[in-house]
């Protein structure tokens, strides 16, 4: 029973970590790269704030995944 429980916990943590990584990439890094590659106006304040929020939420999701891993049974 403990093996099944541990695998489910690891699967949940992996899913959460994947969400965090994708949010970091799409919301945190992609707008900055797009702004640097565009010939028009550079990074706007709103975009910078949105990127910062996405990075912070991504970090929170990653920490939640680490918390889920504490539920592993020996």
PDB file of N, CA and C in Angstrom:
ATOM      1  N   UNK A   1       0.819  -1.192   0.000  1.00  0.00           N
ATOM      2  CA  UNK A   1       0.000   0.000   0.000  1.00  0.00           C
ATOM      3  C   UNK A   1       0.865   1.258   0.000  1.00  0.00           C
ATOM      4  N   UNK A   2       1.944   1.233   0.698  1.00  0.00           N
ATOM      5  CA  UNK A   2       2.801   2.411   0.800  1.00  0.00           C
ATOM      6  C   UNK A   2       3.471   2.731  -0.537  1.00  0.00           C
ATOM      7  N   UNK A   3       3.762   1.702  -1.344  1.00  0.00           N
ATOM      8  CA  UNK A   3       4.378   1.954  -2.649  1.00  0.00           C
ATOM      9  C   UNK A   3       3.422   2.698  -3.568  1.00  0.00           C
ATOM     10  N   UNK A   4       2.165   2.299  -3.563  1.00  0.00           N
ATOM     11  CA  UNK A   4       1.170   2.972  -4.398  1.00  0.00           C
ATOM     12  C   UNK A   4       0.994   4.416  -3.925  1.00  0.00           C
ATOM     13  N   UNK A   5       0.916   4.607  -2.644  1.00  0.00           N
ATOM     14  CA  UNK A   5       0.782   5.947  -2.074  1.00  0.00           C
ATOM     15  C   UNK A   5       1.973   6.823  -2.473  1.00  0.00           C
ATOM     16  N   UNK A   6       3.182   6.295  -2.341  1.00  0.00           N
ATOM     17  CA  UNK A   6       4.382   7.059  -2.687  1.00  0.00           C
ATOM     18  C   UNK A   6       4.403   7.441  -4.158  1.00  0.00           C
ATOM     19  N   UNK A   7       3.977   6.530  -5.020  1.00  0.00           N
ATOM     20  CA  UNK A   7       3.971   6.835  -6.455  1.00  0.00           C
ATOM     21  C   UNK A   7       2.947   7.916  -6.771  1.00  0.00           C
ATOM     22  N   UNK A   8       1.812   7.874  -6.097  1.00  0.00           N
ATOM     23  CA  UNK A   8       0.804   8.913  -6.308  1.00  0.00           C
ATOM     24  C   UNK A   8       1.306  10.267  -5.815  1.00  0.00           C
ATOM     25  N   UNK A   9       1.990  10.274  -4.696  1.00  0.00           N
ATOM     26  CA  UNK A   9       2.550  11.520  -4.166  1.00  0.00           C
ATOM     27  C   UNK A   9       3.597  12.062  -5.131  1.00  0.00           C
ATOM     28  N   UNK A  10       4.454  11.195  -5.641  1.00  0.00           N
ATOM     29  CA  UNK A  10       5.492  11.642  -6.583  1.00  0.00           C
ATOM     30  C   UNK A  10       4.878  12.156  -7.882  1.00  0.00           C
ATOM     31  N   UNK A  11       3.804  11.494  -8.338  1.00  0.00           N
ATOM     32  CA  UNK A  11       3.128  11.936  -9.561  1.00  0.00           C
ATOM     33  C   UNK A  11       2.505  13.316  -9.373  1.00  0.00           C
ATOM     34  N   UNK A  12       1.896  13.535  -8.216  1.00  0.00           N
ATOM     35  CA  UNK A  12       1.308  14.844  -7.921  1.00  0.00           C
ATOM     36  C   UNK A  12       2.387  15.921  -7.855  1.00  0.00           C
ATOM     37  N   UNK A  13       3.488  15.620  -7.196  1.00  0.00           N
ATOM     38  CA  UNK A  13       4.584  16.582  -7.093  1.00  0.00           C
ATOM     39  C   UNK A  13       5.178  16.875  -8.469  1.00  0.00           C
ATOM     40  N   UNK A  14       5.297  15.876  -9.312  1.00  0.00           N
ATOM     41  CA  UNK A  14       5.823  16.071 -10.660  1.00  0.00           C
ATOM     42  C   UNK A  14       4.892  16.958 -11.477  1.00  0.00           C
ATOM     43  N   UNK A  15       3.594  16.722 -11.335  1.00  0.00           N
ATOM     44  CA  UNK A  15       2.614  17.543 -12.047  1.00  0.00           C
ATOM     45  C   UNK A  15       2.708  19.006 -11.608  1.00  0.00           C
ATOM     46  N   UNK A  16       2.754  19.229 -10.301  1.00  0.00           N
ATOM     47  CA  UNK A  16       2.862  20.593  -9.795  1.00  0.00           C
ATOM     48  C   UNK A  16       4.157  21.259 -10.263  1.00  0.00           C
ATOM     49  N   UNK A  17       5.247  20.531 -10.216  1.00  0.00           N
ATOM     50  CA  UNK A  17       6.522  21.083 -10.643  1.00  0.00           C
ATOM     51  C   UNK A  17       6.495  21.430 -12.136  1.00  0.00           C
ATOM     52  N   UNK A  18       5.839  20.595 -12.934  1.00  0.00           N
ATOM     53  CA  UNK A  18       5.691  20.878 -14.362  1.00  0.00           C
ATOM     54  C   UNK A  18       4.881  22.141 -14.609  1.00  0.00           C
ATOM     55  N   UNK A  19       3.846  22.331 -13.798  1.00  0.00           N
ATOM     56  CA  UNK A  19       3.064  23.566 -13.905  1.00  0.00           C
ATOM     57  C   UNK A  19       3.920  24.779 -13.569  1.00  0.00           C
ATOM     58  N   UNK A  20       4.734  24.646 -12.537  1.00  0.00           N
ATOM     59  CA  UNK A  20       5.605  25.750 -12.149  1.00  0.00           C
ATOM     60  C   UNK A  20       6.624  26.087 -13.222  1.00  0.00           C
ATOM     61  N   UNK A  21       7.205  25.051 -13.806  1.00  0.00           N
ATOM     62  CA  UNK A  21       8.198  25.263 -14.863  1.00  0.00           C
ATOM     63  C   UNK A  21       7.562  25.924 -16.084  1.00  0.00           C
ATOM     64  N   UNK A  22       6.381  25.455 -16.478  1.00  0.00           N
ATOM     65  CA  UNK A  22       5.737  26.033 -17.661  1.00  0.00           C
ATOM     66  C   UNK A  22       5.305  27.479 -17.408  1.00  0.00           C
ATOM     67  N   UNK A  23       4.836  27.779 -16.209  1.00  0.00           N
ATOM     68  CA  UNK A  23       4.475  29.165 -15.889  1.00  0.00           C
ATOM     69  C   UNK A  23       5.704  30.065 -15.912  1.00  0.00           C
ATOM     70  N   UNK A  24       6.816  29.564 -15.398  1.00  0.00           N
ATOM     71  CA  UNK A  24       8.060  30.328 -15.409  1.00  0.00           C
ATOM     72  C   UNK A  24       8.499  30.614 -16.847  1.00  0.00           C
ATOM     73  N   UNK A  25       8.420  29.596 -17.699  1.00  0.00           N
ATOM     74  CA  UNK A  25       8.884  29.758 -19.078  1.00  0.00           C
ATOM     75  C   UNK A  25       7.963  30.671 -19.882  1.00  0.00           C
ATOM     76  N   UNK A  26       6.661  30.437 -19.786  1.00  0.00           N
ATOM     77  CA  UNK A  26       5.718  31.179 -20.614  1.00  0.00           C
ATOM     78  C   UNK A  26       5.443  32.578 -20.067  1.00  0.00           C
ATOM     79  N   UNK A  27       5.315  32.705 -18.755  1.00  0.00           N
ATOM     80  CA  UNK A  27       4.964  33.991 -18.189  1.00  0.00           C
ATOM     81  C   UNK A  27       6.137  34.812 -17.712  1.00  0.00           C
ATOM     82  N   UNK A  28       7.255  34.152 -17.423  1.00  0.00           N
ATOM     83  CA  UNK A  28       8.394  34.870 -16.866  1.00  0.00           C
ATOM     84  C   UNK A  28       9.495  35.179 -17.849  1.00  0.00           C
ATOM     85  N   UNK A  29       9.773  34.248 -18.738  1.00  0.00           N
ATOM     86  CA  UNK A  29      10.910  34.422 -19.643  1.00  0.00           C
ATOM     87  C   UNK A  29      10.482  34.840 -21.052  1.00  0.00           C
ATOM     88  N   UNK A  30       9.425  34.234 -21.585  1.00  0.00           N
ATOM     89  CA  UNK A  30       9.023  34.497 -22.971  1.00  0.00           C
ATOM     90  C   UNK A  30       8.709  35.972 -23.242  1.00  0.00           C
ATOM     91  N   UNK A  31       7.969  36.672 -22.374  1.00  0.00           N
ATOM     92  CA  UNK A  31       7.710  38.090 -22.673  1.00  0.00           C
ATOM     93  C   UNK A  31       8.978  38.950 -22.703  1.00  0.00           C
ATOM     94  N   UNK A  32       9.933  38.616 -21.867  1.00  0.00           N
ATOM     95  CA  UNK A  32      11.191  39.373 -21.854  1.00  0.00           C
ATOM     96  C   UNK A  32      11.943  39.154 -23.161  1.00  0.00           C
ATOM     97  N   UNK A  33      12.021  37.907 -23.599  1.00  0.00           N
ATOM     98  CA  UNK A  33      12.710  37.608 -24.857  1.00  0.00           C
ATOM     99  C   UNK A  33      11.981  38.243 -26.034  1.00  0.00           C
ATOM    100  N   UNK A  34      10.647  38.194 -26.016  1.00  0.00           N
ATOM    101  CA  UNK A  34       9.871  38.818 -27.093  1.00  0.00           C
ATOM    102  C   UNK A  34      10.090  40.323 -27.122  1.00  0.00           C
ATOM    103  N   UNK A  35      10.144  40.943 -25.952  1.00  0.00           N
ATOM    104  CA  UNK A  35      10.364  42.398 -25.913  1.00  0.00           C
ATOM    105  C   UNK A  35      11.760  42.763 -26.390  1.00  0.00           C
ATOM    106  N   UNK A  36      12.746  41.934 -26.057  1.00  0.00           N
ATOM    107  CA  UNK A  36      14.114  42.228 -26.492  1.00  0.00           C
ATOM    108  C   UNK A  36      14.303  42.035 -27.984  1.00  0.00           C
ATOM    109  N   UNK A  37      13.499  41.152 -28.591  1.00  0.00           N
ATOM    110  CA  UNK A  37      13.636  40.875 -30.024  1.00  0.00           C
ATOM    111  C   UNK A  37      12.742  41.751 -30.882  1.00  0.00           C
ATOM    112  N   UNK A  38      11.855  42.524 -30.284  1.00  0.00           N
ATOM    113  CA  UNK A  38      10.947  43.340 -31.083  1.00  0.00           C
ATOM    114  C   UNK A  38      11.594  44.691 -31.394  1.00  0.00           C
ATOM    115  N   UNK A  39      11.322  45.220 -32.586  1.00  0.00           N
ATOM    116  CA  UNK A  39      11.913  46.506 -32.949  1.00  0.00           C
ATOM    117  C   UNK A  39      11.201  47.694 -32.291  1.00  0.00           C
ATOM    118  N   UNK A  40       9.990  47.484 -31.789  1.00  0.00           N
ATOM    119  CA  UNK A  40       9.197  48.562 -31.192  1.00  0.00           C
ATOM    120  C   UNK A  40       9.646  48.883 -29.779  1.00  0.00           C
ATOM    121  N   UNK A  41       8.713  49.402 -28.999  1.00  0.00           N
ATOM    122  CA  UNK A  41       9.053  49.763 -27.619  1.00  0.00           C
ATOM    123  C   UNK A  41       9.496  48.544 -26.820  1.00  0.00           C
ATOM    124  N   UNK A  42      10.384  48.796 -25.914  1.00  0.00           N
ATOM    125  CA  UNK A  42      10.945  47.707 -25.120  1.00  0.00           C
ATOM    126  C   UNK A  42      10.005  47.326 -23.986  1.00  0.00           C
ATOM    127  N   UNK A  43      10.501  46.575 -23.056  1.00  0.00           N
ATOM    128  CA  UNK A  43       9.722  46.019 -21.954  1.00  0.00           C
ATOM    129  C   UNK A  43       8.965  47.119 -21.203  1.00  0.00           C
ATOM    130  N   UNK A  44       7.676  46.970 -21.144  1.00  0.00           N
ATOM    131  CA  UNK A  44       6.843  47.938 -20.450  1.00  0.00           C
ATOM    132  C   UNK A  44       6.737  47.584 -18.976  1.00  0.00           C
ATOM    133  N   UNK A  45       6.336  48.545 -18.187  1.00  0.00           N
ATOM    134  CA  UNK A  45       6.229  48.332 -16.743  1.00  0.00           C
ATOM    135  C   UNK A  45       5.219  47.244 -16.424  1.00  0.00           C
ATOM    136  N   UNK A  46       4.086  47.242 -17.108  1.00  0.00           N
ATOM    137  CA  UNK A  46       3.068  46.212 -16.876  1.00  0.00           C
ATOM    138  C   UNK A  46       3.574  44.821 -17.194  1.00  0.00           C
ATOM    139  N   UNK A  47       4.326  44.716 -18.269  1.00  0.00           N
ATOM    140  CA  UNK A  47       4.902  43.423 -18.639  1.00  0.00           C
ATOM    141  C   UNK A  47       5.921  42.974 -17.603  1.00  0.00           C
ATOM    142  N   UNK A  48       6.719  43.895 -17.120  1.00  0.00           N
ATOM    143  CA  UNK A  48       7.718  43.555 -16.103  1.00  0.00           C
ATOM    144  C   UNK A  48       7.043  43.097 -14.814  1.00  0.00           C
ATOM    145  N   UNK A  49       5.956  43.758 -14.433  1.00  0.00           N
ATOM    146  CA  UNK A  49       5.228  43.347 -13.231  1.00  0.00           C
ATOM    147  C   UNK A  49       4.607  41.973 -13.432  1.00  0.00           C
ATOM    148  N   UNK A  50       4.009  41.741 -14.604  1.00  0.00           N
ATOM    149  CA  UNK A  50       3.400  40.439 -14.883  1.00  0.00           C
ATOM    150  C   UNK A  50       4.453  39.334 -14.869  1.00  0.00           C
ATOM    151  N   UNK A  51       5.626  39.599 -15.428  1.00  0.00           N
ATOM    152  CA  UNK A  51       6.707  38.612 -15.416  1.00  0.00           C
ATOM    153  C   UNK A  51       7.150  38.302 -13.994  1.00  0.00           C
ATOM    154  N   UNK A  52       7.264  39.333 -13.176  1.00  0.00           N
ATOM    155  CA  UNK A  52       7.669  39.133 -11.787  1.00  0.00           C
ATOM    156  C   UNK A  52       6.635  38.316 -11.027  1.00  0.00           C
ATOM    157  N   UNK A  53       5.358  38.614 -11.245  1.00  0.00           N
ATOM    158  CA  UNK A  53       4.291  37.854 -10.584  1.00  0.00           C
ATOM    159  C   UNK A  53       4.318  36.396 -11.037  1.00  0.00           C
ATOM    160  N   UNK A  54       4.503  36.171 -12.331  1.00  0.00           N
ATOM    161  CA  UNK A  54       4.556  34.789 -12.838  1.00  0.00           C
ATOM    162  C   UNK A  54       5.727  34.023 -12.229  1.00  0.00           C
ATOM    163  N   UNK A  55       6.859  34.668 -12.090  1.00  0.00           N
ATOM    164  CA  UNK A  55       8.022  34.011 -11.501  1.00  0.00           C
ATOM    165  C   UNK A  55       7.763  33.687 -10.032  1.00  0.00           C
ATOM    166  N   UNK A  56       7.128  34.611  -9.314  1.00  0.00           N
ATOM    167  CA  UNK A  56       6.847  34.357  -7.899  1.00  0.00           C
ATOM    168  C   UNK A  56       5.811  33.246  -7.720  1.00  0.00           C
ATOM    169  N   UNK A  57       4.774  33.236  -8.558  1.00  0.00           N
ATOM    170  CA  UNK A  57       3.771  32.166  -8.481  1.00  0.00           C
ATOM    171  C   UNK A  57       4.395  30.831  -8.865  1.00  0.00           C
ATOM    172  N   UNK A  58       5.279  30.843  -9.850  1.00  0.00           N
ATOM    173  CA  UNK A  58       5.983  29.626 -10.240  1.00  0.00           C
ATOM    174  C   UNK A  58       6.801  29.077  -9.078  1.00  0.00           C
ATOM    175  N   UNK A  59       7.455  29.955  -8.357  1.00  0.00           N
ATOM    176  CA  UNK A  59       8.233  29.532  -7.198  1.00  0.00           C
ATOM    177  C   UNK A  59       7.317  28.960  -6.114  1.00  0.00           C
ATOM    178  N   UNK A  60       6.159  29.575  -5.921  1.00  0.00           N
ATOM    179  CA  UNK A  60       5.199  29.069  -4.926  1.00  0.00           C
ATOM    180  C   UNK A  60       4.691  27.682  -5.305  1.00  0.00           C
ATOM    181  N   UNK A  61       4.432  27.461  -6.588  1.00  0.00           N
ATOM    182  CA  UNK A  61       3.980  26.141  -7.035  1.00  0.00           C
ATOM    183  C   UNK A  61       5.082  25.113  -6.827  1.00  0.00           C
ATOM    184  N   UNK A  62       6.313  25.489  -7.107  1.00  0.00           N
ATOM    185  CA  UNK A  62       7.430  24.577  -6.887  1.00  0.00           C
ATOM    186  C   UNK A  62       7.565  24.224  -5.403  1.00  0.00           C
ATOM    187  N   UNK A  63       7.412  25.210  -4.538  1.00  0.00           N
ATOM    188  CA  UNK A  63       7.475  24.944  -3.100  1.00  0.00           C
ATOM    189  C   UNK A  63       6.315  24.063  -2.647  1.00  0.00           C
ATOM    190  N   UNK A  64       5.145  24.220  -3.277  1.00  0.00           N
ATOM    191  CA  UNK A  64       4.014  23.347  -2.973  1.00  0.00           C
ATOM    192  C   UNK A  64       4.331  21.903  -3.375  1.00  0.00           C
ATOM    193  N   UNK A  65       5.013  21.736  -4.493  1.00  0.00           N
ATOM    194  CA  UNK A  65       5.404  20.388  -4.919  1.00  0.00           C
ATOM    195  C   UNK A  65       6.375  19.778  -3.916  1.00  0.00           C
ATOM    196  N   UNK A  66       7.286  20.584  -3.395  1.00  0.00           N
ATOM    197  CA  UNK A  66       8.207  20.071  -2.372  1.00  0.00           C
ATOM    198  C   UNK A  66       7.456  19.693  -1.103  1.00  0.00           C
ATOM    199  N   UNK A  67       6.434  20.472  -0.763  1.00  0.00           N
ATOM    200  CA  UNK A  67       5.630  20.170   0.415  1.00  0.00           C
ATOM    201  C   UNK A  67       4.874  18.852   0.229  1.00  0.00           C
ATOM    202  N   UNK A  68       4.366  18.629  -0.984  1.00  0.00           N
ATOM    203  CA  UNK A  68       3.654  17.385  -1.280  1.00  0.00           C
ATOM    204  C   UNK A  68       4.585  16.188  -1.086  1.00  0.00           C
ATOM    205  N   UNK A  69       5.833  16.351  -1.450  1.00  0.00           N
ATOM    206  CA  UNK A  69       6.796  15.253  -1.307  1.00  0.00           C
ATOM    207  C   UNK A  69       7.056  14.867   0.146  1.00  0.00           C
ATOM    208  N   UNK A  70       6.723  15.765   1.069  1.00  0.00           N
ATOM    209  CA  UNK A  70       6.889  15.417   2.477  1.00  0.00           C
ATOM    210  C   UNK A  70       5.901  14.329   2.902  1.00  0.00           C
ATOM    211  N   UNK A  71       4.897  14.074   2.071  1.00  0.00           N
ATOM    212  CA  UNK A  71       3.909  13.046   2.370  1.00  0.00           C
ATOM    213  C   UNK A  71       4.352  11.642   2.023  1.00  0.00           C
ATOM    214  N   UNK A  72       5.594  11.484   1.557  1.00  0.00           N
ATOM    215  CA  UNK A  72       6.091  10.141   1.243  1.00  0.00           C
ATOM    216  C   UNK A  72       6.215   9.307   2.510  1.00  0.00           C
ATOM    217  N   UNK A  73       5.830   8.046   2.391  1.00  0.00           N
ATOM    218  CA  UNK A  73       5.907   7.134   3.537  1.00  0.00           C
ATOM    219  C   UNK A  73       7.135   6.241   3.382  1.00  0.00           C
ATOM    220  N   UNK A  74       7.822   5.951   4.487  1.00  0.00           N
ATOM    221  CA  UNK A  74       9.018   5.098   4.411  1.00  0.00           C
ATOM    222  C   UNK A  74       8.676   3.649   4.119  1.00  0.00           C
TER     223      UNK A  74
END
